[in-house]
């Protein structure tokens, strides 16, 4: 039996939920989906410039889980930039 998932605290509600390469129609693009957890992790680490322990406490998760969320977000964004994909932020 797996451990139940904790509710993460998300304080950021993005107003823009799509990013895409300029000049390429959406119908021709693959979409990379980012979760609200991944966006919040990136905001806390890169914009607020908190250390990972403080970020994890802010999101009500462990430091190792925070690192996994952040790594997942970096990988998805990197893939989108390198391959020219659109990015969708799920709320």
C-alpha atoms as a PDB file:
ATOM      1  CA  UNK A   1       0.000   0.000   0.000  1.00  0.00           C
ATOM      2  CA  UNK A   2       1.417   3.374  -0.993  1.00  0.00           C
ATOM      3  CA  UNK A   3       1.597   6.371   1.234  1.00  0.00           C
ATOM      4  CA  UNK A   4      -1.141   8.965   0.616  1.00  0.00           C
ATOM      5  CA  UNK A   5       0.001  12.087  -1.195  1.00  0.00           C
ATOM      6  CA  UNK A   6       0.260  15.273   0.872  1.00  0.00           C
ATOM      7  CA  UNK A   7      -1.528  18.421  -0.205  1.00  0.00           C
ATOM      8  CA  UNK A   8       1.075  20.823  -1.503  1.00  0.00           C
ATOM      9  CA  UNK A   9       0.700  24.514  -0.800  1.00  0.00           C
ATOM     10  CA  UNK A  10       0.581  26.527  -3.997  1.00  0.00           C
ATOM     11  CA  UNK A  11       0.485  30.321  -3.652  1.00  0.00           C
ATOM     12  CA  UNK A  12       0.969  31.265  -7.308  1.00  0.00           C
ATOM     13  CA  UNK A  13      -1.881  31.430  -9.815  1.00  0.00           C
ATOM     14  CA  UNK A  14      -0.463  32.201 -13.280  1.00  0.00           C
ATOM     15  CA  UNK A  15      -2.438  34.470 -15.571  1.00  0.00           C
ATOM     16  CA  UNK A  16      -0.603  33.214 -18.661  1.00  0.00           C
ATOM     17  CA  UNK A  17      -0.927  29.472 -19.193  1.00  0.00           C
ATOM     18  CA  UNK A  18       0.594  28.941 -22.659  1.00  0.00           C
ATOM     19  CA  UNK A  19       3.964  29.708 -24.181  1.00  0.00           C
ATOM     20  CA  UNK A  20       4.881  28.785 -27.733  1.00  0.00           C
ATOM     21  CA  UNK A  21       7.553  29.488 -30.310  1.00  0.00           C
ATOM     22  CA  UNK A  22       6.810  32.591 -32.376  1.00  0.00           C
ATOM     23  CA  UNK A  23       5.674  32.025 -35.922  1.00  0.00           C
ATOM     24  CA  UNK A  24       4.656  28.381 -35.494  1.00  0.00           C
ATOM     25  CA  UNK A  25       0.932  27.534 -35.464  1.00  0.00           C
ATOM     26  CA  UNK A  26      -0.249  25.637 -32.375  1.00  0.00           C
ATOM     27  CA  UNK A  27      -1.567  22.797 -34.527  1.00  0.00           C
ATOM     28  CA  UNK A  28       2.028  22.044 -35.565  1.00  0.00           C
ATOM     29  CA  UNK A  29       3.423  21.931 -32.010  1.00  0.00           C
ATOM     30  CA  UNK A  30       3.691  19.285 -29.356  1.00  0.00           C
ATOM     31  CA  UNK A  31       2.642  20.545 -25.936  1.00  0.00           C
ATOM     32  CA  UNK A  32       4.693  20.021 -22.780  1.00  0.00           C
ATOM     33  CA  UNK A  33       2.474  20.235 -19.689  1.00  0.00           C
ATOM     34  CA  UNK A  34       3.750  21.709 -16.418  1.00  0.00           C
ATOM     35  CA  UNK A  35       1.821  21.196 -13.200  1.00  0.00           C
ATOM     36  CA  UNK A  36       1.054  23.979 -10.759  1.00  0.00           C
ATOM     37  CA  UNK A  37       3.451  22.253  -8.328  1.00  0.00           C
ATOM     38  CA  UNK A  38       6.293  22.503 -10.841  1.00  0.00           C
ATOM     39  CA  UNK A  39       5.643  26.184 -11.532  1.00  0.00           C
ATOM     40  CA  UNK A  40       5.460  26.945  -7.801  1.00  0.00           C
ATOM     41  CA  UNK A  41       8.734  25.095  -7.194  1.00  0.00           C
ATOM     42  CA  UNK A  42      10.459  27.095  -9.932  1.00  0.00           C
ATOM     43  CA  UNK A  43       9.009  30.357  -8.636  1.00  0.00           C
ATOM     44  CA  UNK A  44      10.180  29.729  -5.077  1.00  0.00           C
ATOM     45  CA  UNK A  45      13.664  28.572  -6.087  1.00  0.00           C
ATOM     46  CA  UNK A  46      14.441  30.947  -8.970  1.00  0.00           C
ATOM     47  CA  UNK A  47      12.339  34.069  -8.393  1.00  0.00           C
ATOM     48  CA  UNK A  48      12.091  34.196  -4.592  1.00  0.00           C
ATOM     49  CA  UNK A  49      15.614  32.682  -4.363  1.00  0.00           C
ATOM     50  CA  UNK A  50      14.815  30.533  -1.319  1.00  0.00           C
ATOM     51  CA  UNK A  51      17.052  27.585  -0.460  1.00  0.00           C
ATOM     52  CA  UNK A  52      15.566  24.147  -1.066  1.00  0.00           C
ATOM     53  CA  UNK A  53      14.722  23.504   2.584  1.00  0.00           C
ATOM     54  CA  UNK A  54      12.734  26.733   2.818  1.00  0.00           C
ATOM     55  CA  UNK A  55      11.024  25.993  -0.511  1.00  0.00           C
ATOM     56  CA  UNK A  56      10.063  22.521   0.696  1.00  0.00           C
ATOM     57  CA  UNK A  57       8.620  23.901   3.938  1.00  0.00           C
ATOM     58  CA  UNK A  58       6.708  26.548   1.991  1.00  0.00           C
ATOM     59  CA  UNK A  59       5.145  23.856  -0.220  1.00  0.00           C
ATOM     60  CA  UNK A  60       4.520  21.461   2.714  1.00  0.00           C
ATOM     61  CA  UNK A  61       6.712  18.694   1.335  1.00  0.00           C
ATOM     62  CA  UNK A  62      10.063  17.060   2.011  1.00  0.00           C
ATOM     63  CA  UNK A  63      13.276  18.437   0.566  1.00  0.00           C
ATOM     64  CA  UNK A  64      13.792  15.337  -1.569  1.00  0.00           C
ATOM     65  CA  UNK A  65      10.261  15.565  -2.997  1.00  0.00           C
ATOM     66  CA  UNK A  66      10.790  19.260  -3.706  1.00  0.00           C
ATOM     67  CA  UNK A  67      13.986  18.368  -5.588  1.00  0.00           C
ATOM     68  CA  UNK A  68      12.120  15.791  -7.677  1.00  0.00           C
ATOM     69  CA  UNK A  69       9.400  18.333  -8.542  1.00  0.00           C
ATOM     70  CA  UNK A  70      12.011  20.950  -9.482  1.00  0.00           C
ATOM     71  CA  UNK A  71      14.034  18.478 -11.576  1.00  0.00           C
ATOM     72  CA  UNK A  72      10.896  17.426 -13.433  1.00  0.00           C
ATOM     73  CA  UNK A  73      10.073  21.067 -14.228  1.00  0.00           C
ATOM     74  CA  UNK A  74      13.611  21.801 -15.472  1.00  0.00           C
ATOM     75  CA  UNK A  75      13.575  18.719 -17.693  1.00  0.00           C
ATOM     76  CA  UNK A  76      10.205  19.590 -19.238  1.00  0.00           C
ATOM     77  CA  UNK A  77      11.136  23.224 -19.884  1.00  0.00           C
ATOM     78  CA  UNK A  78      14.519  22.247 -21.312  1.00  0.00           C
ATOM     79  CA  UNK A  79      12.865  19.746 -23.643  1.00  0.00           C
ATOM     80  CA  UNK A  80      10.342  22.346 -24.793  1.00  0.00           C
ATOM     81  CA  UNK A  81      13.054  24.907 -25.541  1.00  0.00           C
ATOM     82  CA  UNK A  82      15.386  22.487 -27.322  1.00  0.00           C
ATOM     83  CA  UNK A  83      12.684  20.760 -29.367  1.00  0.00           C
ATOM     84  CA  UNK A  84      10.601  23.881 -30.025  1.00  0.00           C
ATOM     85  CA  UNK A  85       7.489  22.686 -28.184  1.00  0.00           C
ATOM     86  CA  UNK A  86       4.720  24.737 -26.616  1.00  0.00           C
ATOM     87  CA  UNK A  87       4.444  24.866 -22.811  1.00  0.00           C
ATOM     88  CA  UNK A  88       1.068  24.596 -21.085  1.00  0.00           C
ATOM     89  CA  UNK A  89       0.672  25.367 -17.380  1.00  0.00           C
ATOM     90  CA  UNK A  90      -2.072  23.303 -15.780  1.00  0.00           C
ATOM     91  CA  UNK A  91      -3.906  24.897 -12.886  1.00  0.00           C
END
